[in-house]
Amino acid sequence: MANYNWNYPTTLWVGENRIKDLPLACSNLNIKNPLFVTDKDLINLQFVKDIIFNLNKNFSKLATFSDFSGNPIGENVDDGITVFKKNQCDGVIAFGGGSGLDVGKGIAFMSGQSRPIWDFEDIGDYWKRADEKNIAPIIAIPTTAGTGSETGRASAIINNQTGVKKIIFHPKLLPSIVILDPVLTVDLSPRLTAATGMDALAHNLEAFCAPGFHPMADGIAIEGIKLIKKSLLNAVNNGKDLNARADLLAAASMGSTAFQKGLGAIHSLSHPVNAQFNVHHGLSNAIFMPYVLTFNKNLIEDRIVSICDYLNLDKNFESFLNWILNLRKELNIPHKLSDVVEENKINLDQLSVMALEDPSTATNPRKMTVDDMKILYEHSISGKLF
């Protein structure tokens, strides 16, 4: 039997209006001069202004950084480090969707490093290059229920010079305290609720299907899938449903916890599209999902059938696939990549090489070649399933 390393998440404070405990979280981590990191859209919303206003009552000085948007680049992290050091910050509050969490985590990590961020890509033991002494503590507060970055040990950052999305990894990128407050997600639009929910589904699903022995990850992934099946449509149709919102927040954190086991070709195909065309990550994951499922069918069918009963589906692969297809349709998610990216702008050869080189490829159930990636892209453009 092979040897495995199993790592599990951090402290999570869960419940309605738990955002009020943010000063206590800072106190618990001995953060006296935090940097509040969120994206340029969120920083201008009233509920975020209220959170910052209340935080200011607890700190003599509170710095903010928000000069970035979706699909962040390395320069965003560099700019944030400049603000962090200028204000002599001693911790980071990472607030928002995947971009806010990833940038905030990146700032806290890189503020103590002398090497460039790309030296810590999730390859082999690159993470051991880091100087661990000065990594700042992180509090993560998601306002979307998708990436699960709040319970992850990585940040997804685009290298603007190469146009490639890189996964930056270190165990201390894992936030020390996470606040899951469903109230913070009630104003998320139906469109973004759908896309981020499908992102969480992709994480749980690919983790469950990834090869290797990790029964704890499998159990978490199965329950994450069930929570999404139970509550995603409810949250899209009624954004004020706090129980549904809480289910999705939990499922997102569970997906990130489970995918330490591995991901797969859904993410391999998505990352180049996110970097090249600025397509929302959850949306691209949702588009590629059925193509990868059918491509991997021979190697994952037994596993998928084994959970159908628990999901209240007929015990066959087609039943599960049809649930995915019908869910996408009810969420108004396009069936084809060519519905969101102009076909004449797609360089299949370039994207296929990038997808094959993506770290997620290594744990796809079916071993991949560059031709496989190209075929998957072609199918996602034409709409043809395997």
Protein backbone atom coordinates (compact mmCIF):
# COMPACT_ATOMS: atom_id res chain seq x y z
CA MET A 1 0.00 0.00 0.00
CA ALA A 2 1.23 3.50 -0.86
CA ASN A 3 1.77 6.14 1.81
CA TYR A 4 -0.48 9.22 1.94
CA ASN A 5 -0.50 12.54 3.78
CA TRP A 6 -3.95 13.69 4.91
CA ASN A 7 -4.44 17.30 5.97
CA TYR A 8 -7.64 18.80 7.32
CA PRO A 9 -9.00 22.28 7.58
CA THR A 10 -8.85 25.02 10.07
CA THR A 11 -11.11 26.72 12.63
CA LEU A 12 -14.47 27.68 11.08
CA TRP A 13 -16.97 30.00 12.77
CA VAL A 14 -20.32 29.30 11.14
CA GLY A 15 -23.69 31.00 11.47
CA GLU A 16 -25.90 34.00 10.90
CA ASN A 17 -24.20 37.35 11.63
CA ARG A 18 -20.92 35.73 12.68
CA ILE A 19 -19.23 38.64 10.88
CA LYS A 20 -19.74 40.47 14.19
CA ASP A 21 -17.07 38.19 15.67
CA LEU A 22 -14.38 39.48 13.28
CA PRO A 23 -12.70 41.69 15.92
CA LEU A 24 -12.57 38.66 18.23
CA ALA A 25 -10.94 36.62 15.45
CA CYS A 26 -8.26 39.29 15.09
CA SER A 27 -7.73 39.30 18.85
CA ASN A 28 -7.40 35.50 18.95
CA LEU A 29 -4.65 35.68 16.33
CA ASN A 30 -2.98 38.70 17.96
CA ILE A 31 -3.61 40.81 14.84
CA LYS A 32 -3.37 44.44 15.92
CA ASN A 33 -2.93 46.14 12.56
CA PRO A 34 -4.81 44.21 9.86
CA LEU A 35 -4.92 44.73 6.12
CA PHE A 36 -8.50 44.32 4.85
CA VAL A 37 -8.32 42.84 1.33
CA THR A 38 -11.32 42.74 -1.01
CA ASP A 39 -11.92 43.40 -4.68
CA LYS A 40 -12.71 46.76 -6.30
CA ASP A 41 -16.40 45.93 -6.76
CA LEU A 42 -17.08 44.81 -3.19
CA ILE A 43 -15.24 47.68 -1.51
CA ASN A 44 -17.90 50.12 -2.70
CA LEU A 45 -20.91 48.14 -1.46
CA GLN A 46 -22.67 49.48 1.62
CA PHE A 47 -22.51 46.27 3.65
CA VAL A 48 -18.73 46.14 3.16
CA LYS A 49 -18.41 49.80 4.11
CA ASP A 50 -20.39 48.99 7.27
CA ILE A 51 -18.03 46.11 8.13
CA ILE A 52 -14.99 48.35 7.65
CA PHE A 53 -16.63 51.13 9.68
CA ASN A 54 -17.25 48.74 12.58
CA LEU A 55 -13.73 47.36 12.35
CA ASN A 56 -12.33 50.86 12.62
CA LYS A 57 -13.90 51.09 16.08
CA ASN A 58 -11.62 48.27 17.22
CA PHE A 59 -8.35 49.35 15.65
CA SER A 60 -6.42 52.59 15.80
CA LYS A 61 -5.44 51.95 12.19
CA LEU A 62 -7.02 49.82 9.48
CA ALA A 63 -5.51 49.63 5.99
CA THR A 64 -7.47 48.40 2.96
CA PHE A 65 -6.44 47.06 -0.43
CA SER A 66 -8.88 46.52 -3.30
CA ASP A 67 -7.08 47.37 -6.56
CA PHE A 68 -7.96 44.13 -8.38
CA SER A 69 -10.94 42.26 -9.81
CA GLY A 70 -11.71 38.69 -10.92
CA ASN A 71 -8.95 36.35 -12.11
CA PRO A 72 -6.15 38.21 -10.25
CA ILE A 73 -2.60 38.53 -11.56
CA GLY A 74 0.75 38.44 -9.80
CA GLU A 75 1.07 42.22 -9.90
CA ASN A 76 -2.08 42.49 -7.75
CA VAL A 77 -0.34 40.55 -5.00
CA ASP A 78 2.78 42.72 -5.36
CA ASP A 79 0.71 45.90 -5.04
CA GLY A 80 -1.00 44.54 -1.96
CA ILE A 81 2.34 43.69 -0.34
CA THR A 82 3.40 47.31 -0.85
CA VAL A 83 0.32 48.50 1.06
CA PHE A 84 0.85 45.81 3.73
CA LYS A 85 4.44 46.87 4.39
CA LYS A 86 3.82 50.61 4.11
CA ASN A 87 1.21 50.36 6.87
CA GLN A 88 3.25 47.89 8.94
CA CYS A 89 0.39 45.39 8.94
CA ASP A 90 0.61 42.19 10.96
CA GLY A 91 -2.23 40.15 9.49
CA VAL A 92 -4.69 39.92 6.61
CA ILE A 93 -8.49 39.83 6.52
CA ALA A 94 -9.25 38.26 3.13
CA PHE A 95 -12.85 39.11 2.24
CA GLY A 96 -14.95 38.31 -0.82
CA GLY A 97 -15.08 35.75 -3.60
CA GLY A 98 -12.21 33.67 -4.91
CA SER A 99 -10.22 36.69 -6.10
CA GLY A 100 -10.38 38.48 -2.74
CA LEU A 101 -9.43 35.36 -0.82
CA ASP A 102 -6.64 34.35 -3.19
CA VAL A 103 -5.09 37.82 -3.30
CA GLY A 104 -5.39 38.25 0.47
CA LYS A 105 -3.78 34.90 1.13
CA GLY A 106 -1.07 35.67 -1.42
CA ILE A 107 -0.25 38.99 0.28
CA ALA A 108 0.00 37.39 3.73
CA PHE A 109 2.27 34.66 2.38
CA MET A 110 4.46 36.71 0.07
CA SER A 111 4.96 39.58 2.52
CA GLY A 112 7.56 37.37 4.22
CA GLN A 113 9.30 36.04 1.09
CA SER A 114 12.27 37.24 -0.94
CA ARG A 115 11.69 34.97 -3.95
CA PRO A 116 9.06 35.66 -6.66
CA ILE A 117 5.62 34.16 -6.20
CA TRP A 118 6.09 31.80 -9.16
CA ASP A 119 8.82 29.96 -7.25
CA PHE A 120 6.06 28.53 -5.06
CA GLU A 121 3.95 26.97 -7.79
CA ASP A 122 2.28 23.71 -6.73
CA ILE A 123 4.99 21.48 -8.17
CA GLY A 124 6.79 18.87 -6.11
CA ASP A 125 8.43 20.39 -3.05
CA TYR A 126 8.57 23.97 -4.33
CA TRP A 127 6.68 25.05 -1.21
CA LYS A 128 9.71 24.14 0.89
CA ARG A 129 11.55 27.09 -0.66
CA ALA A 130 9.51 29.46 1.50
CA ASP A 131 10.71 31.31 4.56
CA GLU A 132 8.01 30.33 7.06
CA LYS A 133 9.00 32.69 9.88
CA ASN A 134 7.26 35.82 8.62
CA ILE A 135 4.06 34.53 7.02
CA ALA A 136 1.26 36.72 8.37
CA PRO A 137 -1.89 35.19 9.92
CA ILE A 138 -4.97 35.11 7.70
CA ILE A 139 -8.68 35.42 8.45
CA ALA A 140 -10.85 34.41 5.49
CA ILE A 141 -14.45 35.51 4.98
CA PRO A 142 -16.11 34.25 1.78
CA THR A 143 -19.00 36.17 0.23
CA THR A 144 -19.56 33.56 -2.46
CA ALA A 145 -20.01 29.82 -2.10
CA GLY A 146 -17.76 28.38 -4.76
CA THR A 147 -13.98 28.41 -4.67
CA GLY A 148 -13.59 27.20 -1.11
CA SER A 149 -10.33 29.12 -0.98
CA GLU A 150 -11.07 29.79 2.69
CA THR A 151 -10.17 26.18 3.54
CA GLY A 152 -7.47 25.79 0.89
CA ARG A 153 -3.70 25.86 1.08
CA ALA A 154 -3.30 27.47 -2.31
CA SER A 155 -4.04 30.62 -4.32
CA ALA A 156 -4.85 30.74 -8.04
CA ILE A 157 -2.92 33.62 -9.60
CA ILE A 158 -2.36 34.44 -13.29
CA ASN A 159 1.18 35.04 -14.51
CA ASN A 160 0.53 38.06 -16.73
CA GLN A 161 3.76 37.52 -18.67
CA THR A 162 2.81 34.02 -19.80
CA GLY A 163 -0.99 34.24 -19.59
CA VAL A 164 -1.04 31.05 -17.51
CA LYS A 165 -3.03 30.61 -14.28
CA LYS A 166 -0.69 29.19 -11.63
CA ILE A 167 -1.58 27.42 -8.40
CA ILE A 168 0.61 28.82 -5.62
CA PHE A 169 0.88 26.41 -2.70
CA HIS A 170 2.08 26.44 0.87
CA PRO A 171 0.51 24.83 3.97
CA LYS A 172 0.52 28.22 5.73
CA LEU A 173 -1.67 29.72 3.00
CA LEU A 174 -4.47 28.01 4.92
CA PRO A 175 -6.33 30.72 6.88
CA SER A 176 -6.18 30.39 10.66
CA ILE A 177 -9.83 31.38 11.19
CA VAL A 178 -12.69 31.23 8.67
CA ILE A 179 -16.02 33.01 9.14
CA LEU A 180 -18.92 31.45 7.21
CA ASP A 181 -21.82 33.86 7.49
CA PRO A 182 -24.70 33.17 5.09
CA VAL A 183 -25.97 36.75 5.52
CA LEU A 184 -22.95 37.95 3.53
CA THR A 185 -24.07 35.93 0.49
CA VAL A 186 -27.77 36.88 0.27
CA ASP A 187 -27.19 39.68 -2.24
CA LEU A 188 -25.20 37.49 -4.61
CA SER A 189 -26.98 37.54 -7.95
CA PRO A 190 -28.72 34.39 -9.24
CA ARG A 191 -26.17 34.22 -12.06
CA LEU A 192 -23.17 34.27 -9.70
CA THR A 193 -24.90 32.02 -7.19
CA ALA A 194 -25.30 29.47 -9.98
CA ALA A 195 -21.73 29.77 -11.28
CA THR A 196 -20.10 29.62 -7.87
CA GLY A 197 -22.33 26.74 -6.81
CA MET A 198 -21.25 24.78 -9.88
CA ASP A 199 -17.64 25.55 -8.98
CA ALA A 200 -18.19 23.95 -5.57
CA LEU A 201 -19.86 20.99 -7.26
CA ALA A 202 -16.86 20.57 -9.58
CA HIS A 203 -14.50 20.53 -6.60
CA ASN A 204 -16.46 17.91 -4.70
CA LEU A 205 -17.13 15.79 -7.78
CA GLU A 206 -13.57 15.76 -9.10
CA ALA A 207 -12.20 15.09 -5.61
CA PHE A 208 -14.51 12.09 -5.26
CA CYS A 209 -13.51 10.73 -8.67
CA ALA A 210 -9.77 11.32 -8.26
CA PRO A 211 -7.74 8.12 -7.86
CA GLY A 212 -6.05 7.27 -4.58
CA PHE A 213 -7.02 6.17 -1.09
CA HIS A 214 -8.59 8.99 0.89
CA PRO A 215 -11.88 7.91 2.48
CA MET A 216 -12.18 11.09 4.56
CA ALA A 217 -12.00 13.27 1.44
CA ASP A 218 -14.46 10.96 -0.30
CA GLY A 219 -16.97 11.21 2.54
CA ILE A 220 -16.74 15.00 2.65
CA ALA A 221 -17.08 15.22 -1.14
CA ILE A 222 -20.21 13.04 -1.22
CA GLU A 223 -21.91 15.16 1.44
CA GLY A 224 -20.82 18.33 -0.39
CA ILE A 225 -22.47 17.07 -3.58
CA LYS A 226 -25.66 16.28 -1.67
CA LEU A 227 -25.80 19.75 -0.10
CA ILE A 228 -25.47 21.33 -3.55
CA LYS A 229 -28.18 19.07 -4.97
CA LYS A 230 -30.42 20.02 -2.03
CA SER A 231 -29.87 23.77 -1.99
CA LEU A 232 -28.33 25.30 -5.13
CA LEU A 233 -31.59 25.80 -7.00
CA ASN A 234 -33.26 27.06 -3.82
CA ALA A 235 -30.56 29.69 -3.32
CA VAL A 236 -30.73 30.77 -6.97
CA ASN A 237 -34.52 31.09 -6.87
CA ASN A 238 -34.69 32.65 -3.39
CA GLY A 239 -31.49 34.43 -2.46
CA LYS A 240 -32.81 35.26 1.03
CA ASP A 241 -33.02 31.58 2.03
CA LEU A 242 -30.34 31.55 4.74
CA ASN A 243 -30.48 27.78 5.19
CA ALA A 244 -29.78 27.22 1.50
CA ARG A 245 -27.03 29.84 1.59
CA ALA A 246 -25.44 28.14 4.61
CA ASP A 247 -25.58 24.76 2.84
CA LEU A 248 -23.71 26.20 -0.14
CA LEU A 249 -21.08 27.88 2.03
CA ALA A 250 -20.47 24.57 3.78
CA ALA A 251 -20.34 22.69 0.46
CA ALA A 252 -17.79 25.15 -0.92
CA SER A 253 -15.52 24.77 2.11
CA MET A 254 -15.98 21.00 1.93
CA GLY A 255 -15.01 20.92 -1.74
CA SER A 256 -11.75 22.71 -1.06
CA THR A 257 -11.06 20.37 1.86
CA ALA A 258 -11.79 17.29 -0.26
CA PHE A 259 -9.78 18.28 -3.31
CA GLN A 260 -6.50 17.87 -1.48
CA LYS A 261 -7.07 14.34 -2.84
CA GLY A 262 -6.93 15.78 -6.35
CA LEU A 263 -8.94 17.42 -9.10
CA GLY A 264 -9.10 16.55 -12.79
CA ALA A 265 -9.64 17.62 -16.37
CA ILE A 266 -12.60 19.92 -15.60
CA HIS A 267 -10.11 22.23 -13.92
CA SER A 268 -7.34 21.52 -16.43
CA LEU A 269 -9.58 22.74 -19.24
CA SER A 270 -10.92 25.68 -17.23
CA HIS A 271 -7.73 27.33 -16.06
CA PRO A 272 -6.41 28.24 -19.55
CA VAL A 273 -9.83 29.60 -20.56
CA ASN A 274 -10.00 31.70 -17.37
CA ALA A 275 -6.53 33.12 -18.03
CA GLN A 276 -6.92 33.72 -21.76
CA PHE A 277 -10.53 34.93 -21.96
CA ASN A 278 -11.39 36.08 -18.42
CA VAL A 279 -14.30 33.62 -18.23
CA HIS A 280 -15.63 33.09 -14.69
CA HIS A 281 -14.02 29.96 -13.26
CA GLY A 282 -17.26 28.47 -11.95
CA LEU A 283 -18.97 29.03 -15.30
CA SER A 284 -16.19 27.31 -17.26
CA ASN A 285 -16.18 24.40 -14.79
CA ALA A 286 -19.93 24.02 -15.30
CA ILE A 287 -19.55 24.02 -19.08
CA PHE A 288 -16.77 21.40 -19.13
CA MET A 289 -18.32 19.13 -16.48
CA PRO A 290 -20.42 16.76 -18.65
CA TYR A 291 -17.73 16.44 -21.32
CA VAL A 292 -15.15 15.33 -18.76
CA LEU A 293 -17.62 13.05 -16.99
CA THR A 294 -18.39 11.18 -20.20
CA PHE A 295 -14.71 11.14 -21.21
CA ASN A 296 -13.82 9.51 -17.86
CA LYS A 297 -16.90 7.26 -17.76
CA ASN A 298 -15.17 3.88 -17.99
CA LEU A 299 -12.98 4.64 -14.98
CA ILE A 300 -15.50 6.42 -12.75
CA GLU A 301 -18.81 4.72 -13.54
CA ASP A 302 -18.73 2.37 -10.54
CA ARG A 303 -17.92 5.22 -8.16
CA ILE A 304 -20.69 7.42 -9.55
CA VAL A 305 -23.23 4.60 -9.36
CA SER A 306 -22.18 3.90 -5.76
CA ILE A 307 -23.44 7.33 -4.59
CA CYS A 308 -26.62 7.57 -6.67
CA ASP A 309 -28.78 6.10 -3.89
CA TYR A 310 -27.50 8.68 -1.41
CA LEU A 311 -28.31 11.44 -3.90
CA ASN A 312 -31.80 10.02 -4.56
CA LEU A 313 -30.95 9.23 -8.18
CA ASP A 314 -31.49 6.04 -10.17
CA LYS A 315 -28.44 3.80 -9.77
CA ASN A 316 -26.78 4.31 -13.14
CA PHE A 317 -24.25 6.68 -14.66
CA GLU A 318 -26.76 8.17 -17.10
CA SER A 319 -29.02 9.24 -14.23
CA PHE A 320 -26.18 11.19 -12.64
CA LEU A 321 -25.16 12.73 -15.97
CA ASN A 322 -28.74 13.76 -16.70
CA TRP A 323 -28.98 15.41 -13.29
CA ILE A 324 -25.89 17.50 -14.17
CA LEU A 325 -27.27 18.41 -17.60
CA ASN A 326 -30.72 19.30 -16.23
CA LEU A 327 -29.21 21.30 -13.36
CA ARG A 328 -27.16 23.36 -15.81
CA LYS A 329 -30.25 23.96 -17.91
CA GLU A 330 -32.28 25.13 -14.90
CA LEU A 331 -29.42 27.45 -13.95
CA ASN A 332 -29.25 28.89 -17.49
CA ILE A 333 -25.66 27.74 -17.90
CA PRO A 334 -24.56 27.38 -21.55
CA HIS A 335 -23.89 23.91 -22.88
CA LYS A 336 -20.98 24.96 -25.10
CA LEU A 337 -17.74 26.85 -24.65
CA SER A 338 -18.50 28.58 -27.93
CA ASP A 339 -21.51 30.20 -26.22
CA VAL A 340 -19.18 32.27 -24.03
CA VAL A 341 -16.00 32.57 -26.16
CA GLU A 342 -15.92 33.46 -29.86
CA GLU A 343 -14.86 30.31 -31.68
CA ASN A 344 -12.49 32.15 -34.02
CA LYS A 345 -10.51 33.41 -31.01
CA ILE A 346 -9.86 29.93 -29.63
CA ASN A 347 -6.40 28.53 -30.32
CA LEU A 348 -7.00 24.85 -29.65
CA ASP A 349 -3.35 23.83 -29.88
CA GLN A 350 -2.24 26.47 -27.38
CA LEU A 351 -5.08 25.77 -24.92
CA SER A 352 -4.54 22.01 -25.14
CA VAL A 353 -0.87 22.26 -24.20
CA MET A 354 -1.72 24.60 -21.31
CA ALA A 355 -4.43 22.22 -20.10
CA LEU A 356 -2.12 19.21 -20.21
CA GLU A 357 0.49 21.08 -18.17
CA ASP A 358 -2.04 22.17 -15.54
CA PRO A 359 -1.43 20.59 -12.10
CA SER A 360 -5.01 19.26 -12.01
CA THR A 361 -4.28 16.93 -14.92
CA ALA A 362 -2.15 14.57 -12.83
CA THR A 363 -5.13 13.31 -10.80
CA ASN A 364 -7.68 12.98 -13.58
CA PRO A 365 -8.94 9.37 -13.44
CA ARG A 366 -8.02 8.79 -17.10
CA LYS A 367 -4.46 9.59 -18.11
CA MET A 368 -4.42 12.50 -20.52
CA THR A 369 -2.54 13.42 -23.69
CA VAL A 370 -2.49 16.74 -25.52
CA ASP A 371 -4.74 15.15 -28.16
CA ASP A 372 -7.25 14.21 -25.44
CA MET A 373 -7.34 17.81 -24.28
CA LYS A 374 -7.86 19.02 -27.83
CA ILE A 375 -10.72 16.56 -28.35
CA LEU A 376 -12.36 17.70 -25.11
CA TYR A 377 -12.13 21.33 -26.21
CA GLU A 378 -13.54 20.42 -29.63
CA HIS A 379 -16.47 18.60 -28.04
CA SER A 380 -17.15 21.51 -25.71
CA ILE A 381 -17.27 23.83 -28.73
CA SER A 382 -19.56 21.56 -30.78
CA GLY A 383 -21.70 20.40 -27.86
CA LYS A 384 -21.09 16.72 -28.56
CA LEU A 385 -20.75 14.40 -25.57
CA PHE A 386 -18.65 11.24 -25.78
